Amino acid sequence: MVLLEMGGILSLIIIVYLICHSPAIILLIVGLNRLKTKPENAKKLLIIAGIYFLIGAGICGALLT
């Protein structure tokens, strides 16, 4: 019942979360796919994805408070 009353706010939270974390998710998928063929490039992509997750979490937390 509570989710039905907060439908607009919940959808806004999900949209903000996806906007903040979608580039990091894409980088993570690409990095994991390249892990066997180009390991040095994949390490860089995974590090960038981790940093982007951290920054995205900070921005997401700041926007939602």
N, C-alpha and C. Protein backbone atom coordinates (compact mmCIF):
# COMPACT_ATOMS: atom_id res chain seq x y z
N MET A 1 0.81 -1.20 0.00
CA MET A 1 0.00 0.00 0.00
C MET A 1 0.86 1.26 0.00
N VAL A 2 1.95 1.22 0.72
CA VAL A 2 2.81 2.40 0.80
C VAL A 2 3.42 2.70 -0.56
N LEU A 3 3.78 1.65 -1.32
CA LEU A 3 4.38 1.86 -2.63
C LEU A 3 3.39 2.49 -3.60
N LEU A 4 2.12 2.19 -3.46
CA LEU A 4 1.12 2.79 -4.34
C LEU A 4 0.97 4.28 -4.06
N GLU A 5 1.10 4.68 -2.80
CA GLU A 5 0.99 6.09 -2.46
C GLU A 5 2.22 6.87 -2.88
N MET A 6 3.38 6.19 -2.90
CA MET A 6 4.64 6.85 -3.25
C MET A 6 5.05 6.53 -4.68
N GLY A 7 4.12 6.27 -5.56
CA GLY A 7 4.43 5.86 -6.92
C GLY A 7 5.26 6.88 -7.68
N GLY A 8 4.93 8.15 -7.56
CA GLY A 8 5.67 9.18 -8.27
C GLY A 8 7.08 9.34 -7.73
N ILE A 9 7.22 9.31 -6.43
CA ILE A 9 8.54 9.48 -5.82
C ILE A 9 9.41 8.26 -6.10
N LEU A 10 8.84 7.08 -6.03
CA LEU A 10 9.61 5.87 -6.28
C LEU A 10 10.10 5.81 -7.72
N SER A 11 9.26 6.19 -8.66
CA SER A 11 9.70 6.19 -10.05
C SER A 11 10.77 7.24 -10.29
N LEU A 12 10.69 8.37 -9.62
CA LEU A 12 11.73 9.40 -9.73
C LEU A 12 13.05 8.90 -9.17
N ILE A 13 13.01 8.19 -8.05
CA ILE A 13 14.23 7.64 -7.46
C ILE A 13 14.86 6.62 -8.40
N ILE A 14 14.06 5.78 -9.01
CA ILE A 14 14.58 4.77 -9.93
C ILE A 14 15.19 5.43 -11.16
N ILE A 15 14.55 6.46 -11.68
CA ILE A 15 15.08 7.16 -12.86
C ILE A 15 16.40 7.84 -12.54
N VAL A 16 16.50 8.50 -11.40
CA VAL A 16 17.75 9.16 -11.00
C VAL A 16 18.84 8.13 -10.79
N TYR A 17 18.52 7.00 -10.18
CA TYR A 17 19.51 5.94 -9.97
C TYR A 17 20.03 5.42 -11.31
N LEU A 18 19.14 5.17 -12.25
CA LEU A 18 19.57 4.65 -13.55
C LEU A 18 20.39 5.67 -14.33
N ILE A 19 20.04 6.94 -14.22
CA ILE A 19 20.82 7.97 -14.91
C ILE A 19 22.22 8.06 -14.32
N CYS A 20 22.33 7.97 -13.01
CA CYS A 20 23.64 8.10 -12.36
C CYS A 20 24.51 6.86 -12.57
N HIS A 21 23.92 5.69 -12.68
CA HIS A 21 24.71 4.46 -12.72
C HIS A 21 24.75 3.75 -14.07
N SER A 22 24.00 4.20 -15.05
CA SER A 22 24.01 3.49 -16.33
C SER A 22 25.36 3.53 -17.04
N PRO A 23 26.11 4.64 -17.05
CA PRO A 23 27.44 4.58 -17.68
C PRO A 23 28.38 3.61 -16.98
N ALA A 24 28.29 3.53 -15.67
CA ALA A 24 29.15 2.61 -14.93
C ALA A 24 28.78 1.16 -15.23
N ILE A 25 27.51 0.87 -15.37
CA ILE A 25 27.08 -0.48 -15.69
C ILE A 25 27.56 -0.87 -17.09
N ILE A 26 27.47 0.07 -18.03
CA ILE A 26 27.94 -0.20 -19.39
C ILE A 26 29.44 -0.43 -19.40
N LEU A 27 30.20 0.41 -18.68
CA LEU A 27 31.66 0.22 -18.60
C LEU A 27 32.02 -1.11 -17.96
N LEU A 28 31.27 -1.52 -16.95
CA LEU A 28 31.53 -2.80 -16.29
C LEU A 28 31.30 -3.96 -17.25
N ILE A 29 30.23 -3.91 -18.01
CA ILE A 29 29.94 -4.98 -18.96
C ILE A 29 31.01 -5.05 -20.04
N VAL A 30 31.40 -3.89 -20.58
CA VAL A 30 32.43 -3.88 -21.62
C VAL A 30 33.76 -4.35 -21.07
N GLY A 31 34.10 -3.95 -19.86
CA GLY A 31 35.36 -4.38 -19.24
C GLY A 31 35.40 -5.87 -18.99
N LEU A 32 34.29 -6.43 -18.55
CA LEU A 32 34.26 -7.87 -18.32
C LEU A 32 34.32 -8.66 -19.63
N ASN A 33 33.75 -8.10 -20.69
CA ASN A 33 33.81 -8.78 -21.99
C ASN A 33 35.22 -8.76 -22.58
N ARG A 34 35.98 -7.72 -22.32
CA ARG A 34 37.33 -7.59 -22.87
C ARG A 34 38.41 -8.20 -21.98
N LEU A 35 38.02 -8.80 -20.89
CA LEU A 35 38.99 -9.30 -19.92
C LEU A 35 39.91 -10.37 -20.52
N LYS A 36 39.40 -11.21 -21.39
CA LYS A 36 40.22 -12.27 -21.98
C LYS A 36 41.04 -11.78 -23.17
N THR A 37 40.49 -10.88 -23.98
CA THR A 37 41.19 -10.47 -25.20
C THR A 37 42.21 -9.37 -24.93
N LYS A 38 41.82 -8.34 -24.20
CA LYS A 38 42.72 -7.22 -23.92
C LYS A 38 42.71 -6.94 -22.42
N PRO A 39 43.52 -7.68 -21.64
CA PRO A 39 43.43 -7.55 -20.18
C PRO A 39 43.85 -6.18 -19.65
N GLU A 40 44.83 -5.53 -20.28
CA GLU A 40 45.27 -4.23 -19.78
C GLU A 40 44.18 -3.17 -19.98
N ASN A 41 43.56 -3.21 -21.15
CA ASN A 41 42.46 -2.30 -21.43
C ASN A 41 41.27 -2.59 -20.52
N ALA A 42 41.01 -3.85 -20.25
CA ALA A 42 39.89 -4.23 -19.40
C ALA A 42 40.10 -3.76 -17.97
N LYS A 43 41.34 -3.82 -17.48
CA LYS A 43 41.62 -3.33 -16.12
C LYS A 43 41.30 -1.85 -16.00
N LYS A 44 41.69 -1.08 -17.02
CA LYS A 44 41.41 0.35 -17.00
C LYS A 44 39.91 0.61 -17.00
N LEU A 45 39.17 -0.14 -17.83
CA LEU A 45 37.73 0.04 -17.88
C LEU A 45 37.06 -0.33 -16.56
N LEU A 46 37.54 -1.38 -15.92
CA LEU A 46 36.95 -1.79 -14.64
C LEU A 46 37.25 -0.78 -13.54
N ILE A 47 38.44 -0.20 -13.56
CA ILE A 47 38.78 0.83 -12.58
C ILE A 47 37.92 2.06 -12.80
N ILE A 48 37.76 2.46 -14.05
CA ILE A 48 36.92 3.62 -14.36
C ILE A 48 35.47 3.35 -13.95
N ALA A 49 34.99 2.13 -14.18
CA ALA A 49 33.63 1.78 -13.78
C ALA A 49 33.46 1.85 -12.27
N GLY A 50 34.45 1.38 -11.52
CA GLY A 50 34.38 1.46 -10.06
C GLY A 50 34.36 2.89 -9.55
N ILE A 51 35.18 3.73 -10.16
CA ILE A 51 35.20 5.14 -9.76
C ILE A 51 33.87 5.80 -10.12
N TYR A 52 33.34 5.45 -11.28
CA TYR A 52 32.06 6.02 -11.70
C TYR A 52 30.93 5.57 -10.78
N PHE A 53 30.96 4.30 -10.31
CA PHE A 53 29.97 3.85 -9.34
C PHE A 53 30.05 4.67 -8.06
N LEU A 54 31.26 4.94 -7.60
CA LEU A 54 31.46 5.71 -6.38
C LEU A 54 30.94 7.13 -6.54
N ILE A 55 31.30 7.78 -7.64
CA ILE A 55 30.84 9.15 -7.88
C ILE A 55 29.33 9.18 -8.11
N GLY A 56 28.83 8.21 -8.85
CA GLY A 56 27.39 8.14 -9.09
C GLY A 56 26.60 7.94 -7.81
N ALA A 57 27.14 7.15 -6.89
CA ALA A 57 26.46 6.94 -5.62
C ALA A 57 26.43 8.24 -4.80
N GLY A 58 27.53 8.99 -4.86
CA GLY A 58 27.57 10.26 -4.13
C GLY A 58 26.59 11.27 -4.71
N ILE A 59 26.55 11.37 -6.03
CA ILE A 59 25.63 12.30 -6.68
C ILE A 59 24.19 11.87 -6.44
N CYS A 60 23.94 10.57 -6.57
CA CYS A 60 22.59 10.04 -6.36
C CYS A 60 22.14 10.29 -4.92
N GLY A 61 23.04 10.06 -3.97
CA GLY A 61 22.70 10.30 -2.57
C GLY A 61 22.45 11.76 -2.28
N ALA A 62 23.22 12.64 -2.93
CA ALA A 62 23.03 14.07 -2.71
C ALA A 62 21.72 14.54 -3.32
N LEU A 63 21.34 13.99 -4.47
CA LEU A 63 20.10 14.41 -5.11
C LEU A 63 18.86 13.90 -4.36
N LEU A 64 18.99 12.75 -3.75
CA LEU A 64 17.82 12.14 -3.11
C LEU A 64 17.62 12.55 -1.65
N THR A 65 18.56 13.33 -1.12
CA THR A 65 18.37 13.77 0.28
C THR A 65 17.84 15.16 0.35
